């Protein structure tokens, strides 16, 4: 638990620092704080979507080939009825 919390704290600190630097650089380049914050927020949103896609890929791969082989042999109605618990 301690190592996990330490890693989370380090990541949070690096993220906060990187966001601050990005806003400052964008403010210098764009000349105004509003577009700078919008640009950094948009970049963070894009990174969130990328990380969500990667997490989805990992979860899909961890479900194992046995599950995907099982569902390949079943038709859609069988899969839906199995999901519904029938």
PDB file of N, CA and C in Angstrom:
ATOM      1  N   UNK A   1       0.828  -1.194   0.000  1.00  0.00           N
ATOM      2  CA  UNK A   1       0.000   0.000   0.000  1.00  0.00           C
ATOM      3  C   UNK A   1       0.865   1.248   0.000  1.00  0.00           C
ATOM      4  N   UNK A   2       1.968   1.255   0.714  1.00  0.00           N
ATOM      5  CA  UNK A   2       2.814   2.432   0.802  1.00  0.00           C
ATOM      6  C   UNK A   2       3.460   2.793  -0.521  1.00  0.00           C
ATOM      7  N   UNK A   3       3.914   1.782  -1.266  1.00  0.00           N
ATOM      8  CA  UNK A   3       4.549   2.042  -2.557  1.00  0.00           C
ATOM      9  C   UNK A   3       3.524   2.578  -3.544  1.00  0.00           C
ATOM     10  N   UNK A   4       2.319   2.035  -3.508  1.00  0.00           N
ATOM     11  CA  UNK A   4       1.260   2.508  -4.401  1.00  0.00           C
ATOM     12  C   UNK A   4       0.946   3.977  -4.131  1.00  0.00           C
ATOM     13  N   UNK A   5       0.828   4.343  -2.865  1.00  0.00           N
ATOM     14  CA  UNK A   5       0.533   5.737  -2.500  1.00  0.00           C
ATOM     15  C   UNK A   5       1.686   6.643  -2.893  1.00  0.00           C
ATOM     16  N   UNK A   6       2.908   6.173  -2.719  1.00  0.00           N
ATOM     17  CA  UNK A   6       4.073   6.976  -3.107  1.00  0.00           C
ATOM     18  C   UNK A   6       4.099   7.193  -4.616  1.00  0.00           C
ATOM     19  N   UNK A   7       3.818   6.149  -5.386  1.00  0.00           N
ATOM     20  CA  UNK A   7       3.791   6.285  -6.843  1.00  0.00           C
ATOM     21  C   UNK A   7       2.686   7.239  -7.276  1.00  0.00           C
ATOM     22  N   UNK A   8       1.546   7.155  -6.626  1.00  0.00           N
ATOM     23  CA  UNK A   8       0.433   8.050  -6.934  1.00  0.00           C
ATOM     24  C   UNK A   8       0.793   9.496  -6.618  1.00  0.00           C
ATOM     25  N   UNK A   9       1.457   9.717  -5.495  1.00  0.00           N
ATOM     26  CA  UNK A   9       1.856  11.073  -5.113  1.00  0.00           C
ATOM     27  C   UNK A   9       2.881  11.647  -6.080  1.00  0.00           C
ATOM     28  N   UNK A  10       3.838  10.836  -6.501  1.00  0.00           N
ATOM     29  CA  UNK A  10       4.844  11.299  -7.461  1.00  0.00           C
ATOM     30  C   UNK A  10       4.181  11.631  -8.797  1.00  0.00           C
ATOM     31  N   UNK A  11       3.290  10.763  -9.261  1.00  0.00           N
ATOM     32  CA  UNK A  11       2.597  11.012 -10.526  1.00  0.00           C
ATOM     33  C   UNK A  11       1.740  12.267 -10.444  1.00  0.00           C
ATOM     34  N   UNK A  12       1.066  12.471  -9.327  1.00  0.00           N
ATOM     35  CA  UNK A  12       0.245  13.662  -9.142  1.00  0.00           C
ATOM     36  C   UNK A  12       1.111  14.921  -9.160  1.00  0.00           C
ATOM     37  N   UNK A  13       2.257  14.864  -8.491  1.00  0.00           N
ATOM     38  CA  UNK A  13       3.168  16.010  -8.470  1.00  0.00           C
ATOM     39  C   UNK A  13       3.737  16.320  -9.841  1.00  0.00           C
ATOM     40  N   UNK A  14       4.167  15.297 -10.555  1.00  0.00           N
ATOM     41  CA  UNK A  14       4.707  15.513 -11.900  1.00  0.00           C
ATOM     42  C   UNK A  14       3.622  16.047 -12.826  1.00  0.00           C
ATOM     43  N   UNK A  15       2.408  15.511 -12.717  1.00  0.00           N
ATOM     44  CA  UNK A  15       1.307  15.989 -13.553  1.00  0.00           C
ATOM     45  C   UNK A  15       0.962  17.440 -13.284  1.00  0.00           C
ATOM     46  N   UNK A  16       0.929  17.811 -12.013  1.00  0.00           N
ATOM     47  CA  UNK A  16       0.652  19.206 -11.672  1.00  0.00           C
ATOM     48  C   UNK A  16       1.726  20.145 -12.181  1.00  0.00           C
ATOM     49  N   UNK A  17       2.979  19.742 -12.027  1.00  0.00           N
ATOM     50  CA  UNK A  17       4.088  20.565 -12.509  1.00  0.00           C
ATOM     51  C   UNK A  17       4.067  20.674 -14.033  1.00  0.00           C
ATOM     52  N   UNK A  18       3.850  19.546 -14.718  1.00  0.00           N
ATOM     53  CA  UNK A  18       3.818  19.559 -16.188  1.00  0.00           C
ATOM     54  C   UNK A  18       2.661  20.414 -16.698  1.00  0.00           C
ATOM     55  N   UNK A  19       1.517  20.347 -16.035  1.00  0.00           N
ATOM     56  CA  UNK A  19       0.380  21.178 -16.440  1.00  0.00           C
ATOM     57  C   UNK A  19       0.659  22.658 -16.253  1.00  0.00           C
ATOM     58  N   UNK A  20       1.322  22.992 -15.161  1.00  0.00           N
ATOM     59  CA  UNK A  20       1.665  24.390 -14.906  1.00  0.00           C
ATOM     60  C   UNK A  20       2.648  24.916 -15.951  1.00  0.00           C
ATOM     61  N   UNK A  21       3.651  24.118 -16.255  1.00  0.00           N
ATOM     62  CA  UNK A  21       4.629  24.512 -17.274  1.00  0.00           C
ATOM     63  C   UNK A  21       3.951  24.658 -18.631  1.00  0.00           C
ATOM     64  N   UNK A  22       3.066  23.721 -18.961  1.00  0.00           N
ATOM     65  CA  UNK A  22       2.374  23.772 -20.250  1.00  0.00           C
ATOM     66  C   UNK A  22       1.507  25.030 -20.358  1.00  0.00           C
ATOM     67  N   UNK A  23       0.804  25.389 -19.291  1.00  0.00           N
ATOM     68  CA  UNK A  23      -0.022  26.600 -19.318  1.00  0.00           C
ATOM     69  C   UNK A  23       0.854  27.839 -19.456  1.00  0.00           C
ATOM     70  N   UNK A  24       1.961  27.880 -18.727  1.00  0.00           N
ATOM     71  CA  UNK A  24       2.847  29.040 -18.819  1.00  0.00           C
ATOM     72  C   UNK A  24       3.434  29.190 -20.217  1.00  0.00           C
ATOM     73  N   UNK A  25       3.876  28.087 -20.813  1.00  0.00           N
ATOM     74  CA  UNK A  25       4.430  28.140 -22.170  1.00  0.00           C
ATOM     75  C   UNK A  25       3.349  28.542 -23.170  1.00  0.00           C
ATOM     76  N   UNK A  26       2.161  27.951 -23.032  1.00  0.00           N
ATOM     77  CA  UNK A  26       1.068  28.285 -23.950  1.00  0.00           C
ATOM     78  C   UNK A  26       0.651  29.742 -23.788  1.00  0.00           C
ATOM     79  N   UNK A  27       0.677  30.261 -22.573  1.00  0.00           N
ATOM     80  CA  UNK A  27       0.323  31.663 -22.342  1.00  0.00           C
ATOM     81  C   UNK A  27       1.348  32.592 -23.007  1.00  0.00           C
ATOM     82  N   UNK A  28       2.625  32.229 -22.934  1.00  0.00           N
ATOM     83  CA  UNK A  28       3.660  33.033 -23.597  1.00  0.00           C
ATOM     84  C   UNK A  28       3.487  32.990 -25.112  1.00  0.00           C
ATOM     85  N   UNK A  29       3.233  31.804 -25.648  1.00  0.00           N
ATOM     86  CA  UNK A  29       3.098  31.648 -27.101  1.00  0.00           C
ATOM     87  C   UNK A  29       1.810  32.289 -27.609  1.00  0.00           C
ATOM     88  N   UNK A  30       0.696  32.058 -26.903  1.00  0.00           N
ATOM     89  CA  UNK A  30      -0.600  32.544 -27.382  1.00  0.00           C
ATOM     90  C   UNK A  30      -0.916  33.959 -26.917  1.00  0.00           C
ATOM     91  N   UNK A  31      -0.261  34.411 -25.863  1.00  0.00           N
ATOM     92  CA  UNK A  31      -0.442  35.777 -25.402  1.00  0.00           C
ATOM     93  C   UNK A  31      -1.641  36.034 -24.516  1.00  0.00           C
ATOM     94  N   UNK A  32      -2.410  35.019 -24.224  1.00  0.00           N
ATOM     95  CA  UNK A  32      -3.602  35.203 -23.403  1.00  0.00           C
ATOM     96  C   UNK A  32      -3.830  33.947 -22.561  1.00  0.00           C
ATOM     97  N   UNK A  33      -4.308  34.099 -21.330  1.00  0.00           N
ATOM     98  CA  UNK A  33      -4.505  32.907 -20.486  1.00  0.00           C
ATOM     99  C   UNK A  33      -5.673  32.017 -20.916  1.00  0.00           C
ATOM    100  N   UNK A  34      -6.732  32.594 -21.469  1.00  0.00           N
ATOM    101  CA  UNK A  34      -7.906  31.792 -21.815  1.00  0.00           C
ATOM    102  C   UNK A  34      -7.587  30.724 -22.865  1.00  0.00           C
ATOM    103  N   UNK A  35      -6.999  31.079 -24.011  1.00  0.00           N
ATOM    104  CA  UNK A  35      -6.671  30.015 -24.966  1.00  0.00           C
ATOM    105  C   UNK A  35      -5.593  29.067 -24.444  1.00  0.00           C
ATOM    106  N   UNK A  36      -4.721  29.570 -23.571  1.00  0.00           N
ATOM    107  CA  UNK A  36      -3.684  28.698 -23.007  1.00  0.00           C
ATOM    108  C   UNK A  36      -4.317  27.607 -22.152  1.00  0.00           C
ATOM    109  N   UNK A  37      -5.236  27.998 -21.262  1.00  0.00           N
ATOM    110  CA  UNK A  37      -5.913  27.005 -20.429  1.00  0.00           C
ATOM    111  C   UNK A  37      -6.762  26.065 -21.281  1.00  0.00           C
ATOM    112  N   UNK A  38      -7.417  26.598 -22.309  1.00  0.00           N
ATOM    113  CA  UNK A  38      -8.235  25.760 -23.185  1.00  0.00           C
ATOM    114  C   UNK A  38      -7.375  24.736 -23.919  1.00  0.00           C
ATOM    115  N   UNK A  39      -6.209  25.164 -24.389  1.00  0.00           N
ATOM    116  CA  UNK A  39      -5.308  24.260 -25.097  1.00  0.00           C
ATOM    117  C   UNK A  39      -4.814  23.141 -24.176  1.00  0.00           C
ATOM    118  N   UNK A  40      -4.406  23.503 -22.971  1.00  0.00           N
ATOM    119  CA  UNK A  40      -3.906  22.498 -22.039  1.00  0.00           C
ATOM    120  C   UNK A  40      -5.041  21.566 -21.604  1.00  0.00           C
ATOM    121  N   UNK A  41      -6.222  22.100 -21.359  1.00  0.00           N
ATOM    122  CA  UNK A  41      -7.350  21.260 -20.985  1.00  0.00           C
ATOM    123  C   UNK A  41      -7.692  20.289 -22.118  1.00  0.00           C
ATOM    124  N   UNK A  42      -7.677  20.770 -23.353  1.00  0.00           N
ATOM    125  CA  UNK A  42      -7.939  19.900 -24.495  1.00  0.00           C
ATOM    126  C   UNK A  42      -6.894  18.796 -24.635  1.00  0.00           C
ATOM    127  N   UNK A  43      -5.631  19.152 -24.409  1.00  0.00           N
ATOM    128  CA  UNK A  43      -4.563  18.145 -24.473  1.00  0.00           C
ATOM    129  C   UNK A  43      -4.739  17.100 -23.375  1.00  0.00           C
ATOM    130  N   UNK A  44      -5.114  17.546 -22.182  1.00  0.00           N
ATOM    131  CA  UNK A  44      -5.345  16.599 -21.083  1.00  0.00           C
ATOM    132  C   UNK A  44      -6.540  15.694 -21.386  1.00  0.00           C
ATOM    133  N   UNK A  45      -7.573  16.250 -21.996  1.00  0.00           N
ATOM    134  CA  UNK A  45      -8.733  15.439 -22.364  1.00  0.00           C
ATOM    135  C   UNK A  45      -8.346  14.387 -23.407  1.00  0.00           C
ATOM    136  N   UNK A  46      -7.534  14.789 -24.363  1.00  0.00           N
ATOM    137  CA  UNK A  46      -7.069  13.848 -25.381  1.00  0.00           C
ATOM    138  C   UNK A  46      -6.223  12.742 -24.754  1.00  0.00           C
ATOM    139  N   UNK A  47      -5.339  13.106 -23.840  1.00  0.00           N
ATOM    140  CA  UNK A  47      -4.528  12.104 -23.146  1.00  0.00           C
ATOM    141  C   UNK A  47      -5.398  11.162 -22.317  1.00  0.00           C
ATOM    142  N   UNK A  48      -6.476  11.685 -21.726  1.00  0.00           N
ATOM    143  CA  UNK A  48      -7.393  10.831 -20.985  1.00  0.00           C
ATOM    144  C   UNK A  48      -8.045   9.806 -21.904  1.00  0.00           C
ATOM    145  N   UNK A  49      -8.469  10.241 -23.087  1.00  0.00           N
ATOM    146  CA  UNK A  49      -9.090   9.317 -24.033  1.00  0.00           C
ATOM    147  C   UNK A  49      -8.104   8.250 -24.492  1.00  0.00           C
ATOM    148  N   UNK A  50      -6.856   8.650 -24.718  1.00  0.00           N
ATOM    149  CA  UNK A  50      -5.831   7.682 -25.099  1.00  0.00           C
ATOM    150  C   UNK A  50      -5.615   6.662 -23.987  1.00  0.00           C
ATOM    151  N   UNK A  51      -5.532   7.140 -22.741  1.00  0.00           N
ATOM    152  CA  UNK A  51      -5.328   6.214 -21.624  1.00  0.00           C
ATOM    153  C   UNK A  51      -6.536   5.303 -21.424  1.00  0.00           C
ATOM    154  N   UNK A  52      -7.735   5.816 -21.647  1.00  0.00           N
ATOM    155  CA  UNK A  52      -8.929   4.976 -21.545  1.00  0.00           C
ATOM    156  C   UNK A  52      -8.923   3.892 -22.619  1.00  0.00           C
ATOM    157  N   UNK A  53      -8.510   4.248 -23.826  1.00  0.00           N
ATOM    158  CA  UNK A  53      -8.423   3.258 -24.909  1.00  0.00           C
ATOM    159  C   UNK A  53      -7.380   2.192 -24.588  1.00  0.00           C
ATOM    160  N   UNK A  54      -6.253   2.609 -24.032  1.00  0.00           N
ATOM    161  CA  UNK A  54      -5.222   1.636 -23.649  1.00  0.00           C
ATOM    162  C   UNK A  54      -5.719   0.721 -22.536  1.00  0.00           C
ATOM    163  N   UNK A  55      -6.417   1.275 -21.552  1.00  0.00           N
ATOM    164  CA  UNK A  55      -6.959   0.461 -20.462  1.00  0.00           C
ATOM    165  C   UNK A  55      -7.988  -0.528 -20.992  1.00  0.00           C
ATOM    166  N   UNK A  56      -8.797  -0.096 -21.948  1.00  0.00           N
ATOM    167  CA  UNK A  56      -9.793  -0.983 -22.544  1.00  0.00           C
ATOM    168  C   UNK A  56      -9.101  -2.123 -23.281  1.00  0.00           C
ATOM    169  N   UNK A  57      -8.016  -1.804 -23.999  1.00  0.00           N
ATOM    170  CA  UNK A  57      -7.260  -2.834 -24.711  1.00  0.00           C
ATOM    171  C   UNK A  57      -6.685  -3.850 -23.734  1.00  0.00           C
ATOM    172  N   UNK A  58      -6.103  -3.368 -22.648  1.00  0.00           N
ATOM    173  CA  UNK A  58      -5.517  -4.266 -21.652  1.00  0.00           C
ATOM    174  C   UNK A  58      -6.598  -5.147 -21.035  1.00  0.00           C
ATOM    175  N   UNK A  59      -7.734  -4.570 -20.691  1.00  0.00           N
ATOM    176  CA  UNK A  59      -8.821  -5.354 -20.100  1.00  0.00           C
ATOM    177  C   UNK A  59      -9.328  -6.401 -21.071  1.00  0.00           C
ATOM    178  N   UNK A  60      -9.392  -6.034 -22.334  1.00  0.00           N
ATOM    179  CA  UNK A  60      -9.862  -6.978 -23.347  1.00  0.00           C
ATOM    180  C   UNK A  60      -8.870  -8.126 -23.513  1.00  0.00           C
ATOM    181  N   UNK A  61      -7.587  -7.803 -23.498  1.00  0.00           N
ATOM    182  CA  UNK A  61      -6.569  -8.843 -23.643  1.00  0.00           C
ATOM    183  C   UNK A  61      -6.490  -9.728 -22.407  1.00  0.00           C
ATOM    184  N   UNK A  62      -6.735  -9.153 -21.234  1.00  0.00           N
ATOM    185  CA  UNK A  62      -6.677  -9.938 -20.000  1.00  0.00           C
ATOM    186  C   UNK A  62      -7.881 -10.849 -19.825  1.00  0.00           C
ATOM    187  N   UNK A  63      -8.955 -10.619 -20.611  1.00  0.00           N
ATOM    188  CA  UNK A  63     -10.114 -11.497 -20.499  1.00  0.00           C
ATOM    189  C   UNK A  63      -9.776 -12.891 -21.005  1.00  0.00           C
ATOM    190  N   UNK A  64      -8.696 -12.995 -21.752  1.00  0.00           N
ATOM    191  CA  UNK A  64      -8.172 -14.295 -22.149  1.00  0.00           C
ATOM    192  C   UNK A  64      -8.730 -14.796 -23.455  1.00  0.00           C
ATOM    193  N   UNK A  65      -7.939 -15.587 -24.126  1.00  0.00           N
ATOM    194  CA  UNK A  65      -8.388 -16.139 -25.402  1.00  0.00           C
ATOM    195  C   UNK A  65      -9.513 -17.149 -25.245  1.00  0.00           C
ATOM    196  N   UNK A  66      -9.620 -17.794 -24.074  1.00  0.00           N
ATOM    197  CA  UNK A  66     -10.684 -18.779 -23.884  1.00  0.00           C
ATOM    198  C   UNK A  66     -12.055 -18.130 -24.004  1.00  0.00           C
ATOM    199  N   UNK A  67     -12.207 -16.938 -23.436  1.00  0.00           N
ATOM    200  CA  UNK A  67     -13.482 -16.238 -23.516  1.00  0.00           C
ATOM    201  C   UNK A  67     -13.784 -15.834 -24.951  1.00  0.00           C
ATOM    202  N   UNK A  68     -12.796 -15.305 -25.652  1.00  0.00           N
ATOM    203  CA  UNK A  68     -13.052 -14.880 -27.024  1.00  0.00           C
ATOM    204  C   UNK A  68     -13.328 -16.080 -27.916  1.00  0.00           C
ATOM    205  N   UNK A  69     -12.663 -17.228 -27.673  1.00  0.00           N
ATOM    206  CA  UNK A  69     -12.947 -18.423 -28.457  1.00  0.00           C
ATOM    207  C   UNK A  69     -14.356 -18.925 -28.180  1.00  0.00           C
ATOM    208  N   UNK A  70     -14.784 -18.840 -26.934  1.00  0.00           N
ATOM    209  CA  UNK A  70     -16.127 -19.287 -26.575  1.00  0.00           C
ATOM    210  C   UNK A  70     -17.176 -18.442 -27.270  1.00  0.00           C
ATOM    211  N   UNK A  71     -16.991 -17.120 -27.264  1.00  0.00           N
ATOM    212  CA  UNK A  71     -17.990 -16.254 -27.873  1.00  0.00           C
ATOM    213  C   UNK A  71     -17.958 -16.326 -29.393  1.00  0.00           C
ATOM    214  N   UNK A  72     -16.823 -16.718 -29.980  1.00  0.00           N
ATOM    215  CA  UNK A  72     -16.781 -16.869 -31.433  1.00  0.00           C
ATOM    216  C   UNK A  72     -17.632 -18.054 -31.883  1.00  0.00           C
ATOM    217  N   UNK A  73     -17.734 -19.073 -31.040  1.00  0.00           N
ATOM    218  CA  UNK A  73     -18.495 -20.264 -31.395  1.00  0.00           C
ATOM    219  C   UNK A  73     -19.988 -20.102 -31.142  1.00  0.00           C
ATOM    220  N   UNK A  74     -20.373 -19.042 -30.446  1.00  0.00           N
ATOM    221  CA  UNK A  74     -21.771 -18.821 -30.104  1.00  0.00           C
ATOM    222  C   UNK A  74     -22.357 -17.767 -31.035  1.00  0.00           C
ATOM    223  N   UNK A  75     -23.648 -17.883 -31.317  1.00  0.00           N
ATOM    224  CA  UNK A  75     -24.278 -16.834 -32.111  1.00  0.00           C
ATOM    225  C   UNK A  75     -24.734 -15.701 -31.188  1.00  0.00           C
ATOM    226  N   UNK A  76     -25.201 -14.610 -31.762  1.00  0.00           N
ATOM    227  CA  UNK A  76     -25.548 -13.424 -30.986  1.00  0.00           C
ATOM    228  C   UNK A  76     -26.644 -13.691 -29.956  1.00  0.00           C
ATOM    229  N   UNK A  77     -27.665 -14.478 -30.313  1.00  0.00           N
ATOM    230  CA  UNK A  77     -28.747 -14.762 -29.376  1.00  0.00           C
ATOM    231  C   UNK A  77     -28.265 -15.532 -28.166  1.00  0.00           C
ATOM    232  N   UNK A  78     -27.341 -16.464 -28.381  1.00  0.00           N
ATOM    233  CA  UNK A  78     -26.795 -17.235 -27.260  1.00  0.00           C
ATOM    234  C   UNK A  78     -25.984 -16.334 -26.328  1.00  0.00           C
ATOM    235  N   UNK A  79     -25.224 -15.431 -26.903  1.00  0.00           N
ATOM    236  CA  UNK A  79     -24.421 -14.518 -26.088  1.00  0.00           C
ATOM    237  C   UNK A  79     -25.333 -13.594 -25.267  1.00  0.00           C
ATOM    238  N   UNK A  80     -26.378 -13.075 -25.899  1.00  0.00           N
ATOM    239  CA  UNK A  80     -27.297 -12.185 -25.181  1.00  0.00           C
ATOM    240  C   UNK A  80     -28.042 -12.911 -24.075  1.00  0.00           C
ATOM    241  N   UNK A  81     -28.460 -14.133 -24.326  1.00  0.00           N
ATOM    242  CA  UNK A  81     -29.173 -14.881 -23.296  1.00  0.00           C
ATOM    243  C   UNK A  81     -28.230 -15.258 -22.157  1.00  0.00           C
ATOM    244  N   UNK A  82     -26.954 -15.538 -22.456  1.00  0.00           N
ATOM    245  CA  UNK A  82     -25.978 -15.831 -21.418  1.00  0.00           C
ATOM    246  C   UNK A  82     -25.721 -14.575 -20.578  1.00  0.00           C
ATOM    247  N   UNK A  83     -25.650 -13.419 -21.222  1.00  0.00           N
ATOM    248  CA  UNK A  83     -25.433 -12.172 -20.488  1.00  0.00           C
ATOM    249  C   UNK A  83     -26.634 -11.840 -19.615  1.00  0.00           C
ATOM    250  N   UNK A  84     -27.829 -12.182 -20.058  1.00  0.00           N
ATOM    251  CA  UNK A  84     -29.030 -11.912 -19.286  1.00  0.00           C
ATOM    252  C   UNK A  84     -29.230 -12.909 -18.163  1.00  0.00           C
ATOM    253  N   UNK A  85     -28.431 -13.987 -18.137  1.00  0.00           N
ATOM    254  CA  UNK A  85     -28.528 -14.965 -17.063  1.00  0.00           C
ATOM    255  C   UNK A  85     -29.560 -16.029 -17.305  1.00  0.00           C
ATOM    256  N   UNK A  86     -29.930 -16.205 -18.556  1.00  0.00           N
ATOM    257  CA  UNK A  86     -30.944 -17.236 -18.883  1.00  0.00           C
ATOM    258  C   UNK A  86     -30.288 -18.510 -19.280  1.00  0.00           C
TER     259      UNK A  86
END
